[in-house]
């Protein structure tokens, strides 16, 4: 009896330590709070859905386009919008909630492999203090929802392994895991890679079980059928609604230029920034010395390897290491195992301090490299006074949203500006435009920035105001006089109308945004007179 009470006391103590650690790490994530422009793409779709316009980019679109890659997240964000709540705030609240779940299940996965409270605690400390993971507890995108669903899926999958002979088989676990797989895939379609590895691992464990074939078949059916039914129904509805089962963003990336070198640089920058390479090498060299469930370590390693190869194949990302957040829990579980394999507490302590210092250094000094935008740079697009895309959107909305004649804008910053302005928008990079995604000019291999509109397409689409990459300037600075500044360098500006002009739109007492007015619109002309906007005629030599 005393032994049972003692075990219960130790268990409760361990649980309390985990809870306090998670709370501290969430506080750190709240300190690193930020918001990124791409989140507002999902917010715009979610708002249109909440208002009964459907999951569309522009309300009233005759041919809807799937310009988001996070169906489940977009639906989730539509709930607070429908209640007239701030989606920016609620995206952060959701991120912190799912992040706490990710940290908790990271502990559970680690404990299942190591049977060590301290190794498991170290794994969540290293994960939660990783600057990239901590920052993406917010950010506004589906990153933490995907990480949460992946980590829970890993935990449930590992529960099928190394059970004692007398432990009963929980049949409900099979459909539960299948549903988790489907939710992860509907959050981000590329989650199918991780779910595929886990499905094969669980399927192999079923094959190796010493039981009747019909039982194995029933279990495999329960593992596959629910998820296939859910995802299959979703893909069918997408095909009927959008005319395609793949998101429009796939065509921007797949038909553009891919660069394995860019993907390698992106991957290497992550592992070098956080000092992870030495521990991965030691993990391979010390595999025979590791005191843990080695078959489970192999599953984690295979999952990480497949994901890394995928990230390299798709050229990485332009956002600071966002693609590594879903597998960061698995990485730090393995790293914690390697650290606990070391002999002597000094080596362990030095290793932990080394990782913590590198994460702190990265958070303080990283400012982007090789077209990878740092978290600070991503946040600055929205809130920095010399960019301030949210204010650009609000000002444009205040001027033109209620116009009798719709004012159509075009921009490469197709997030906060379209969301806050509520104006019909052509995404000049084609993420939210089917024609540009498949026919636009190829401009490089930067992920999400491989295609670009033609100017003729903007004219044919009856665009009124071209923002390009928003040209925010000091209020007293000279007017923009070169139309090329609104377009990608090789765009053919000779097709622009001779009547075009630059309009200077004040954002506040210190800054303005310059836009290119390329087509006749009475609402724009009235706004110029009403607000006393400064204009400048510009000409193109034909």
Protein backbone atom coordinates (compact mmCIF):
# COMPACT_ATOMS: atom_id res chain seq x y z
CA UNK A 1 0.00 0.00 0.00
CA UNK A 2 2.80 2.43 0.94
CA UNK A 3 4.60 1.60 -2.30
CA UNK A 4 1.45 2.40 -4.29
CA UNK A 5 1.02 5.74 -2.47
CA UNK A 6 4.67 6.57 -3.10
CA UNK A 7 4.33 5.75 -6.83
CA UNK A 8 1.19 7.89 -7.05
CA UNK A 9 2.99 10.78 -5.32
CA UNK A 10 5.94 10.58 -7.72
CA UNK A 11 3.55 10.37 -10.69
CA UNK A 12 1.64 13.46 -9.54
CA UNK A 13 4.89 15.33 -8.93
CA UNK A 14 6.10 14.51 -12.44
CA UNK A 15 2.78 15.62 -13.89
CA UNK A 16 2.90 18.92 -12.03
CA UNK A 17 6.44 19.58 -13.29
CA UNK A 18 5.30 18.90 -16.87
CA UNK A 19 2.31 21.25 -16.50
CA UNK A 20 4.45 24.05 -15.05
CA UNK A 21 7.06 23.55 -17.78
CA UNK A 22 4.42 23.73 -20.52
CA UNK A 23 2.96 26.89 -18.96
CA UNK A 24 6.39 28.52 -18.91
CA UNK A 25 7.03 27.56 -22.54
CA UNK A 26 3.63 28.94 -23.59
CA UNK A 27 4.51 32.20 -21.82
CA UNK A 28 7.72 32.29 -23.85
CA UNK A 29 5.69 31.71 -27.00
CA UNK A 30 3.37 34.58 -26.07
CA UNK A 31 6.45 36.78 -25.64
CA UNK A 32 7.56 35.82 -29.18
CA UNK A 33 4.12 36.63 -30.61
CA UNK A 34 3.92 37.75 -34.24
CA UNK A 35 1.58 37.74 -37.24
CA UNK A 36 2.42 37.11 -40.90
CA UNK A 37 0.83 38.28 -44.11
CA UNK A 38 -0.03 34.81 -45.45
CA UNK A 39 -2.31 34.23 -42.45
CA UNK A 40 -4.67 36.87 -43.81
CA UNK A 41 -5.23 34.78 -46.94
CA UNK A 42 -6.90 32.16 -44.73
CA UNK A 43 -8.71 34.90 -42.82
CA UNK A 44 -10.16 36.27 -46.09
CA UNK A 45 -11.45 32.85 -47.16
CA UNK A 46 -12.76 32.22 -43.63
CA UNK A 47 -14.55 35.58 -43.58
CA UNK A 48 -16.23 34.96 -46.94
CA UNK A 49 -17.30 31.52 -45.68
CA UNK A 50 -18.66 32.95 -42.41
CA UNK A 51 -20.63 35.56 -44.37
CA UNK A 52 -22.22 32.94 -46.59
CA UNK A 53 -20.19 33.68 -49.71
CA UNK A 54 -18.48 30.29 -49.73
CA UNK A 55 -14.79 29.43 -49.46
CA UNK A 56 -13.77 31.96 -52.11
CA UNK A 57 -11.07 34.57 -52.57
CA UNK A 58 -13.29 37.30 -54.03
CA UNK A 59 -16.93 37.33 -52.98
CA UNK A 60 -19.09 36.53 -55.99
CA UNK A 61 -16.36 34.72 -57.93
CA UNK A 62 -18.01 32.70 -60.70
CA UNK A 63 -15.14 30.20 -60.63
CA UNK A 64 -13.88 29.73 -57.06
CA UNK A 65 -10.16 29.20 -56.55
CA UNK A 66 -8.56 27.29 -53.66
CA UNK A 67 -5.78 29.66 -52.74
CA UNK A 68 -5.30 28.29 -49.23
CA UNK A 69 -3.58 25.04 -48.21
CA UNK A 70 -5.10 24.62 -44.75
CA UNK A 71 -8.76 23.66 -45.10
CA UNK A 72 -9.35 22.61 -41.49
CA UNK A 73 -7.60 25.70 -40.11
CA UNK A 74 -9.59 28.01 -42.39
CA UNK A 75 -12.84 26.44 -41.19
CA UNK A 76 -11.72 26.81 -37.57
CA UNK A 77 -10.89 30.50 -38.05
CA UNK A 78 -14.32 31.09 -39.61
CA UNK A 79 -15.95 30.34 -36.23
CA UNK A 80 -14.69 33.42 -34.33
CA UNK A 81 -15.23 35.55 -37.45
CA UNK A 82 -18.87 34.42 -37.54
CA UNK A 83 -19.12 35.62 -33.92
CA UNK A 84 -17.61 38.97 -34.93
CA UNK A 85 -14.38 38.23 -33.04
CA UNK A 86 -10.88 39.24 -34.11
CA UNK A 87 -9.33 36.41 -36.20
CA UNK A 88 -5.79 37.65 -35.50
CA UNK A 89 -6.28 37.30 -31.75
CA UNK A 90 -8.11 34.00 -32.03
CA UNK A 91 -5.56 32.50 -34.40
CA UNK A 92 -3.00 33.17 -31.67
CA UNK A 93 -5.23 31.69 -28.97
CA UNK A 94 -5.79 28.57 -31.07
CA UNK A 95 -2.06 28.36 -31.78
CA UNK A 96 -1.20 28.46 -28.07
CA UNK A 97 -3.87 25.85 -27.29
CA UNK A 98 -2.62 23.45 -29.96
CA UNK A 99 0.96 24.25 -29.01
CA UNK A 100 0.29 23.17 -25.42
CA UNK A 101 -1.11 19.92 -26.81
CA UNK A 102 1.97 19.46 -28.97
CA UNK A 103 4.26 19.90 -25.97
CA UNK A 104 2.21 17.53 -23.82
CA UNK A 105 2.13 14.77 -26.44
CA UNK A 106 5.81 15.30 -27.17
CA UNK A 107 6.39 14.37 -23.53
CA UNK A 108 4.13 11.33 -23.91
CA UNK A 109 5.86 10.13 -27.09
CA UNK A 110 9.26 10.58 -25.49
CA UNK A 111 8.21 8.73 -22.34
CA UNK A 112 6.84 5.85 -24.39
CA UNK A 113 10.24 5.51 -26.08
CA UNK A 114 12.59 6.25 -23.16
CA UNK A 115 10.50 5.41 -20.05
CA UNK A 116 12.34 8.36 -18.50
CA UNK A 117 10.64 11.38 -17.01
CA UNK A 118 13.81 13.45 -17.21
CA UNK A 119 14.59 12.63 -20.85
CA UNK A 120 10.98 13.37 -21.76
CA UNK A 121 11.03 16.64 -19.83
CA UNK A 122 14.24 17.65 -21.59
CA UNK A 123 12.66 16.98 -24.98
CA UNK A 124 9.85 19.49 -24.35
CA UNK A 125 12.21 22.05 -22.82
CA UNK A 126 14.45 21.92 -25.92
CA UNK A 127 11.41 22.00 -28.20
CA UNK A 128 9.63 24.87 -26.43
CA UNK A 129 12.77 27.02 -26.26
CA UNK A 130 13.51 26.52 -29.93
CA UNK A 131 12.89 30.03 -31.28
CA UNK A 132 11.20 28.85 -34.47
CA UNK A 133 8.80 26.50 -32.67
CA UNK A 134 8.12 29.07 -29.95
CA UNK A 135 7.36 31.85 -32.43
CA UNK A 136 5.08 29.67 -34.52
CA UNK A 137 2.90 29.10 -31.49
CA UNK A 138 1.41 32.25 -32.99
CA UNK A 139 1.89 33.62 -36.52
CA UNK A 140 -1.71 33.08 -37.63
CA UNK A 141 -1.19 30.00 -39.81
CA UNK A 142 -2.03 26.33 -39.32
CA UNK A 143 1.52 25.43 -38.27
CA UNK A 144 0.71 24.44 -34.69
CA UNK A 145 -2.49 22.62 -35.63
CA UNK A 146 -0.49 20.47 -38.03
CA UNK A 147 2.27 19.90 -35.45
CA UNK A 148 -0.33 18.93 -32.83
CA UNK A 149 -2.14 16.45 -35.08
CA UNK A 150 1.16 14.94 -36.26
CA UNK A 151 2.44 14.52 -32.69
CA UNK A 152 -0.83 12.98 -31.46
CA UNK A 153 -0.83 10.65 -34.48
CA UNK A 154 2.72 9.57 -33.65
CA UNK A 155 1.75 8.91 -30.04
CA UNK A 156 -1.30 6.81 -30.92
CA UNK A 157 0.72 4.92 -33.57
CA UNK A 158 3.47 4.05 -31.09
CA UNK A 159 0.87 2.70 -28.66
CA UNK A 160 0.48 -0.29 -30.99
CA UNK A 161 4.10 -1.33 -30.40
CA UNK A 162 5.82 -3.20 -27.57
CA UNK A 163 2.67 -3.99 -25.65
CA UNK A 164 2.81 -6.69 -23.02
CA UNK A 165 1.18 -10.01 -24.00
CA UNK A 166 -1.53 -9.54 -21.37
CA UNK A 167 -2.40 -5.99 -22.43
CA UNK A 168 -5.82 -5.92 -24.13
CA UNK A 169 -6.04 -4.70 -27.71
CA UNK A 170 -8.09 -1.48 -27.82
CA UNK A 171 -9.99 -1.80 -31.09
CA UNK A 172 -11.19 1.80 -30.90
CA UNK A 173 -7.58 2.95 -31.36
CA UNK A 174 -7.62 1.94 -35.03
CA UNK A 175 -10.48 4.20 -36.21
CA UNK A 176 -9.27 6.97 -33.87
CA UNK A 177 -5.85 6.90 -35.52
CA UNK A 178 -7.48 6.82 -38.94
CA UNK A 179 -9.51 9.94 -38.12
CA UNK A 180 -6.38 11.67 -36.78
CA UNK A 181 -4.64 10.94 -40.09
CA UNK A 182 -7.55 12.45 -42.00
CA UNK A 183 -7.59 15.60 -39.84
CA UNK A 184 -3.85 16.07 -40.35
CA UNK A 185 -4.21 15.67 -44.13
CA UNK A 186 -7.12 18.14 -44.24
CA UNK A 187 -5.04 20.61 -42.24
CA UNK A 188 -2.18 20.37 -44.74
CA UNK A 189 -2.21 17.96 -47.64
CA UNK A 190 1.52 17.25 -47.31
CA UNK A 191 0.82 15.63 -43.91
CA UNK A 192 0.01 12.55 -45.98
CA UNK A 193 3.76 11.82 -46.08
CA UNK A 194 4.01 11.55 -42.29
CA UNK A 195 0.70 9.74 -41.98
CA UNK A 196 1.80 7.34 -44.70
CA UNK A 197 4.93 6.35 -42.76
CA UNK A 198 2.91 5.85 -39.58
CA UNK A 199 0.25 3.86 -41.43
CA UNK A 200 2.88 1.53 -42.87
CA UNK A 201 4.50 1.10 -39.45
CA UNK A 202 1.21 0.22 -37.75
CA UNK A 203 0.24 -2.00 -40.67
CA UNK A 204 3.53 -3.88 -40.37
CA UNK A 205 2.98 -4.37 -36.64
CA UNK A 206 -0.41 -5.87 -37.44
CA UNK A 207 1.16 -8.19 -39.99
CA UNK A 208 3.68 -9.43 -37.39
CA UNK A 209 1.01 -10.12 -34.75
CA UNK A 210 0.38 -13.74 -33.87
CA UNK A 211 -3.35 -13.77 -34.51
CA UNK A 212 -5.84 -14.94 -37.08
CA UNK A 213 -5.77 -13.39 -40.55
CA UNK A 214 -9.42 -12.28 -40.41
CA UNK A 215 -8.69 -10.32 -37.21
CA UNK A 216 -5.73 -8.64 -38.87
CA UNK A 217 -7.87 -7.75 -41.87
CA UNK A 218 -10.62 -6.24 -39.69
CA UNK A 219 -8.09 -4.12 -37.81
CA UNK A 220 -6.44 -2.97 -41.03
CA UNK A 221 -9.85 -2.04 -42.41
CA UNK A 222 -10.66 -0.01 -39.30
CA UNK A 223 -7.29 1.70 -39.64
CA UNK A 224 -7.78 2.61 -43.30
CA UNK A 225 -11.52 2.98 -43.97
CA UNK A 226 -12.59 5.94 -41.76
CA UNK A 227 -9.74 8.17 -42.88
CA UNK A 228 -10.13 7.21 -46.52
CA UNK A 229 -13.87 7.93 -46.34
CA UNK A 230 -13.36 11.35 -44.73
CA UNK A 231 -10.51 12.44 -47.00
CA UNK A 232 -12.15 10.91 -50.08
CA UNK A 233 -15.38 12.83 -49.41
CA UNK A 234 -13.41 16.04 -48.87
CA UNK A 235 -11.46 15.61 -52.11
CA UNK A 236 -14.66 14.86 -54.04
CA UNK A 237 -16.32 18.01 -52.68
CA UNK A 238 -13.23 20.03 -53.57
CA UNK A 239 -13.30 18.67 -57.09
CA UNK A 240 -16.96 19.58 -57.46
CA UNK A 241 -16.52 23.06 -55.96
CA UNK A 242 -13.12 24.14 -57.29
CA UNK A 243 -12.83 21.87 -60.31
CA UNK A 244 -9.64 20.32 -58.91
CA UNK A 245 -8.57 18.18 -55.97
CA UNK A 246 -5.24 19.99 -55.61
CA UNK A 247 -4.98 23.54 -54.25
CA UNK A 248 -4.17 26.32 -56.69
CA UNK A 249 -0.89 26.91 -54.86
CA UNK A 250 0.31 23.51 -56.09
CA UNK A 251 0.31 24.75 -59.67
CA UNK A 252 2.21 27.89 -58.74
CA UNK A 253 4.95 25.76 -57.24
CA UNK A 254 4.82 22.64 -59.42
CA UNK A 255 4.74 24.46 -62.75
CA UNK A 256 7.31 27.01 -61.63
CA UNK A 257 11.01 26.49 -61.06
CA UNK A 258 12.01 24.12 -58.27
CA UNK A 259 15.51 24.20 -56.84
CA UNK A 260 17.03 21.33 -54.89
CA UNK A 261 19.91 23.64 -54.01
CA UNK A 262 17.50 26.13 -52.44
CA UNK A 263 15.88 23.27 -50.50
CA UNK A 264 19.29 22.08 -49.29
CA UNK A 265 20.25 25.60 -48.20
CA UNK A 266 16.97 26.02 -46.35
CA UNK A 267 17.39 22.67 -44.57
CA UNK A 268 21.06 23.22 -43.77
CA UNK A 269 20.37 26.71 -42.43
CA UNK A 270 17.87 25.27 -39.95
CA UNK A 271 20.15 22.51 -38.68
CA UNK A 272 23.21 24.78 -38.52
CA UNK A 273 21.36 27.66 -36.83
CA UNK A 274 20.24 25.40 -33.99
CA UNK A 275 23.36 23.20 -33.81
CA UNK A 276 21.50 19.97 -34.50
CA UNK A 277 23.93 18.23 -36.86
CA UNK A 278 26.37 16.95 -34.17
CA UNK A 279 23.57 15.28 -32.22
CA UNK A 280 22.12 13.56 -35.30
CA UNK A 281 25.57 12.23 -36.18
CA UNK A 282 26.09 10.99 -32.61
CA UNK A 283 22.66 9.37 -32.71
CA UNK A 284 23.69 7.28 -35.72
CA UNK A 285 27.09 6.38 -34.25
CA UNK A 286 25.68 5.53 -30.81
CA UNK A 287 22.55 3.72 -31.94
CA UNK A 288 23.68 0.42 -30.39
CA UNK A 289 24.31 2.18 -27.05
CA UNK A 290 20.89 3.82 -26.79
CA UNK A 291 18.76 2.49 -23.94
CA UNK A 292 15.32 3.01 -25.37
CA UNK A 293 12.74 1.37 -27.63
CA UNK A 294 14.89 1.19 -30.76
CA UNK A 295 12.13 0.11 -33.12
CA UNK A 296 10.19 3.23 -32.14
CA UNK A 297 13.29 5.36 -32.71
CA UNK A 298 13.52 3.90 -36.21
CA UNK A 299 9.91 4.95 -36.92
CA UNK A 300 10.63 8.49 -35.74
CA UNK A 301 13.85 8.63 -37.76
CA UNK A 302 12.12 7.39 -40.93
CA UNK A 303 9.37 10.00 -40.50
CA UNK A 304 11.92 12.79 -40.06
CA UNK A 305 13.98 11.63 -43.05
CA UNK A 306 11.00 11.45 -45.42
CA UNK A 307 9.88 14.94 -44.35
CA UNK A 308 13.35 16.42 -44.80
CA UNK A 309 13.58 14.96 -48.31
CA UNK A 310 10.17 16.47 -49.09
CA UNK A 311 11.25 19.90 -47.83
CA UNK A 312 14.37 19.75 -50.01
CA UNK A 313 12.34 18.61 -53.02
CA UNK A 314 9.90 21.56 -52.80
CA UNK A 315 12.75 24.10 -52.42
CA UNK A 316 12.07 24.74 -48.75
CA UNK A 317 10.10 27.84 -47.87
CA UNK A 318 10.56 31.60 -47.76
CA UNK A 319 9.31 31.81 -44.16
CA UNK A 320 11.78 31.21 -41.37
CA UNK A 321 11.94 27.40 -40.97
CA UNK A 322 8.14 27.02 -40.74
CA UNK A 323 8.28 23.67 -42.53
CA UNK A 324 10.33 22.11 -39.73
CA UNK A 325 7.82 22.83 -36.96
CA UNK A 326 5.71 19.67 -37.63
CA UNK A 327 8.73 17.38 -37.11
CA UNK A 328 10.49 19.49 -34.47
CA UNK A 329 8.89 17.42 -31.65
CA UNK A 330 10.32 14.23 -33.14
CA UNK A 331 13.73 15.83 -33.69
CA UNK A 332 14.05 17.01 -30.11
CA UNK A 333 12.90 13.66 -28.73
CA UNK A 334 15.79 12.03 -30.58
CA UNK A 335 18.22 14.75 -29.47
CA UNK A 336 17.15 14.33 -25.82
CA UNK A 337 17.78 10.58 -26.17
CA UNK A 338 21.26 11.24 -27.55
CA UNK A 339 22.04 13.62 -24.68
CA UNK A 340 20.95 11.05 -22.11
CA UNK A 341 23.13 8.45 -23.82
CA UNK A 342 26.20 10.56 -23.02
CA UNK A 343 28.31 9.50 -20.05
CA UNK A 344 28.73 12.02 -17.26
CA UNK A 345 26.49 14.86 -16.20
CA UNK A 346 28.95 17.53 -17.42
CA UNK A 347 28.62 16.41 -21.05
CA UNK A 348 24.84 16.38 -20.72
CA UNK A 349 24.80 19.85 -19.16
CA UNK A 350 27.16 21.32 -21.76
CA UNK A 351 25.01 19.86 -24.57
CA UNK A 352 21.82 21.35 -23.15
CA UNK A 353 23.41 24.76 -22.61
CA UNK A 354 24.86 24.63 -26.14
CA UNK A 355 21.40 24.08 -27.65
CA UNK A 356 19.73 26.72 -25.47
CA UNK A 357 22.39 29.33 -26.27
CA UNK A 358 22.18 28.68 -30.01
CA UNK A 359 18.41 29.04 -29.94
CA UNK A 360 18.72 32.31 -28.01
CA UNK A 361 21.40 33.53 -30.41
CA UNK A 362 19.24 32.63 -33.41
CA UNK A 363 16.25 34.47 -31.96
CA UNK A 364 18.30 37.62 -31.34
CA UNK A 365 20.48 37.80 -34.43
CA UNK A 366 18.80 35.93 -37.32
CA UNK A 367 17.70 38.42 -39.95
CA UNK A 368 17.08 36.12 -42.89
CA UNK A 369 19.40 34.54 -45.42
CA UNK A 370 19.12 33.33 -49.04
CA UNK A 371 15.59 34.74 -49.47
CA UNK A 372 14.43 33.15 -46.21
CA UNK A 373 12.55 35.88 -44.38
CA UNK A 374 13.06 35.96 -40.62
CA UNK A 375 10.12 36.01 -38.25
CA UNK A 376 10.88 39.67 -37.51
CA UNK A 377 10.77 40.49 -41.22
CA UNK A 378 7.48 38.63 -41.64
CA UNK A 379 5.98 40.52 -38.71
CA UNK A 380 7.34 43.85 -39.96
CA UNK A 381 5.29 43.61 -43.17
CA UNK A 382 2.16 43.99 -41.06
CA UNK A 383 3.17 46.29 -38.21
CA UNK A 384 6.30 48.22 -39.21
CA UNK A 385 5.54 51.90 -39.87
CA UNK A 386 7.42 51.86 -43.19
CA UNK A 387 5.42 48.87 -44.47
CA UNK A 388 2.22 48.66 -42.39
CA UNK A 389 0.23 46.54 -44.82
CA UNK A 390 -2.72 46.33 -42.42
CA UNK A 391 -3.09 50.14 -42.51
CA UNK A 392 -2.74 50.14 -46.31
CA UNK A 393 -5.66 47.70 -46.48
CA UNK A 394 -7.79 49.65 -44.03
CA UNK A 395 -7.24 52.97 -45.80
CA UNK A 396 -8.08 51.48 -49.21
CA UNK A 397 -11.20 49.90 -47.72
CA UNK A 398 -12.31 53.17 -46.13
CA UNK A 399 -11.95 54.93 -49.47
CA UNK A 400 -13.40 52.40 -51.89
CA UNK A 401 -15.30 49.53 -50.21
CA UNK A 402 -18.73 51.15 -50.36
CA UNK A 403 -18.28 52.52 -53.88
CA UNK A 404 -21.11 52.03 -56.33
CA UNK A 405 -18.54 50.94 -58.91
CA UNK A 406 -16.31 48.15 -57.53
CA UNK A 407 -12.63 49.10 -57.33
CA UNK A 408 -10.32 46.20 -58.24
CA UNK A 409 -6.78 46.17 -56.89
CA UNK A 410 -3.76 43.99 -57.62
CA UNK A 411 -0.80 43.29 -55.36
CA UNK A 412 1.89 40.75 -54.56
CA UNK A 413 1.17 41.24 -50.84
CA UNK A 414 -2.08 39.30 -51.08
CA UNK A 415 -2.80 38.95 -47.37
CA UNK A 416 -3.51 41.81 -45.01
CA UNK A 417 -4.22 44.35 -47.77
CA UNK A 418 -7.03 42.34 -49.45
CA UNK A 419 -8.35 41.20 -46.06
CA UNK A 420 -8.66 44.65 -44.52
CA UNK A 421 -9.70 46.46 -47.71
CA UNK A 422 -12.42 43.91 -48.62
CA UNK A 423 -11.82 44.90 -52.25
CA UNK A 424 -11.79 42.52 -55.24
CA UNK A 425 -8.14 41.60 -55.63
CA UNK A 426 -5.89 40.01 -58.24
CA UNK A 427 -3.02 38.18 -56.53
CA UNK A 428 -0.11 39.06 -58.83
CA UNK A 429 1.82 35.95 -57.76
CA UNK A 430 -1.08 33.69 -58.68
CA UNK A 431 -1.62 31.87 -55.39
CA UNK A 432 -5.26 32.95 -55.55
CA UNK A 433 -5.60 33.12 -59.32
CA UNK A 434 -5.96 30.08 -61.58
CA UNK A 435 -4.80 31.76 -64.77
CA UNK A 436 -1.60 33.18 -63.29
CA UNK A 437 -0.86 29.90 -61.49
CA UNK A 438 -0.74 28.03 -64.78
CA UNK A 439 0.12 30.71 -67.35
CA UNK A 440 1.98 33.43 -65.51
CA UNK A 441 5.58 34.44 -66.20
CA UNK A 442 8.13 32.21 -64.45
CA UNK A 443 10.31 34.46 -62.32
CA UNK A 444 12.42 32.13 -60.16
CA UNK A 445 12.48 29.32 -57.63
CA UNK A 446 11.56 31.15 -54.42
CA UNK A 447 8.70 29.08 -52.94
CA UNK A 448 5.34 30.76 -53.58
CA UNK A 449 7.02 33.34 -55.79
CA UNK A 450 7.68 31.35 -58.95
CA UNK A 451 4.90 32.81 -61.15
CA UNK A 452 3.91 36.37 -61.93
CA UNK A 453 1.04 38.02 -63.75
CA UNK A 454 1.33 39.62 -67.16
CA UNK A 455 0.28 43.26 -67.31
CA UNK A 456 -2.12 42.44 -70.11
CA UNK A 457 -3.91 40.01 -67.79
CA UNK A 458 -4.39 42.81 -65.25
CA UNK A 459 -5.85 45.04 -67.95
CA UNK A 460 -8.15 42.24 -69.18
CA UNK A 461 -9.24 41.63 -65.56
CA UNK A 462 -10.25 45.31 -65.29
CA UNK A 463 -7.83 46.10 -62.49
CA UNK A 464 -8.06 49.74 -61.41
CA UNK A 465 -5.23 50.16 -58.90
CA UNK A 466 -1.90 48.36 -59.03
CA UNK A 467 0.03 48.22 -55.77
CA UNK A 468 2.60 45.65 -56.80
CA UNK A 469 4.89 45.18 -53.81
CA UNK A 470 3.35 47.98 -51.69
CA UNK A 471 5.25 51.21 -52.23
CA UNK A 472 5.00 52.83 -48.77
CA UNK A 473 7.01 56.05 -48.59
CA UNK A 474 7.49 59.05 -46.33
CA UNK A 475 4.74 61.57 -46.89
CA UNK A 476 7.07 64.28 -48.29
CA UNK A 477 9.21 62.02 -50.49
CA UNK A 478 9.10 62.51 -54.29
CA UNK A 479 6.28 60.85 -56.19
CA UNK A 480 6.92 57.52 -57.88
CA UNK A 481 7.62 58.33 -61.52
CA UNK A 482 8.64 54.96 -62.98
CA UNK A 483 5.78 52.50 -63.69
CA UNK A 484 8.32 49.65 -63.57
CA UNK A 485 8.48 50.06 -59.79
CA UNK A 486 4.98 48.56 -59.58
CA UNK A 487 5.89 45.40 -61.51
CA UNK A 488 8.43 42.62 -61.74
CA UNK A 489 11.44 43.85 -63.71
CA UNK A 490 10.80 41.92 -66.95
CA UNK A 491 7.09 42.65 -67.20
CA UNK A 492 6.05 44.30 -70.47
CA UNK A 493 4.98 47.80 -69.41
CA UNK A 494 4.48 48.92 -73.03
CA UNK A 495 0.87 47.65 -72.89
CA UNK A 496 -0.05 50.06 -70.09
CA UNK A 497 -2.58 52.75 -71.09
CA UNK A 498 -1.31 56.25 -71.75
CA UNK A 499 -3.87 57.68 -69.31
CA UNK A 500 -2.36 55.99 -66.26
CA UNK A 501 -1.25 58.03 -63.28
CA UNK A 502 0.24 57.54 -59.81
CA UNK A 503 -2.04 58.33 -56.86
CA UNK A 504 -0.49 59.23 -53.51
CA UNK A 505 -2.71 57.89 -50.71
CA UNK A 506 -1.85 59.11 -47.19
CA UNK A 507 -1.78 56.42 -44.49
CA UNK A 508 -1.11 58.79 -41.60
CA UNK A 509 0.75 62.03 -40.93
CA UNK A 510 4.10 60.50 -41.82
CA UNK A 511 3.61 57.90 -44.55
CA UNK A 512 1.70 57.32 -47.77
CA UNK A 513 1.33 54.53 -50.30
CA UNK A 514 1.72 55.15 -54.04
CA UNK A 515 -0.57 53.18 -56.35
CA UNK A 516 -0.76 53.03 -60.14
CA UNK A 517 -4.18 53.98 -61.53
CA UNK A 518 -4.48 52.19 -64.89
CA UNK A 519 -8.17 52.22 -65.84
CA UNK A 520 -11.02 54.70 -65.72
CA UNK A 521 -13.23 54.25 -62.64
CA UNK A 522 -15.68 56.89 -61.39
CA UNK A 523 -15.27 55.74 -57.78
CA UNK A 524 -11.53 56.35 -57.94
CA UNK A 525 -12.00 59.76 -59.58
CA UNK A 526 -14.49 60.78 -56.89
CA UNK A 527 -12.11 59.64 -54.13
CA UNK A 528 -9.32 61.74 -55.65
CA UNK A 529 -11.54 64.81 -55.43
CA UNK A 530 -13.13 63.98 -52.07
CA UNK A 531 -9.86 63.29 -50.23
CA UNK A 532 -7.74 65.74 -52.20
CA UNK A 533 -5.34 62.99 -53.31
CA UNK A 534 -2.18 64.03 -55.13
CA UNK A 535 -1.79 62.47 -58.57
CA UNK A 536 1.02 62.40 -61.10
CA UNK A 537 0.70 61.56 -64.78
CA UNK A 538 3.37 59.19 -66.08
CA UNK A 539 4.08 58.03 -69.56
CA UNK A 540 5.58 54.97 -71.20
CA UNK A 541 7.57 55.20 -74.39
CA UNK A 542 5.90 52.84 -76.82
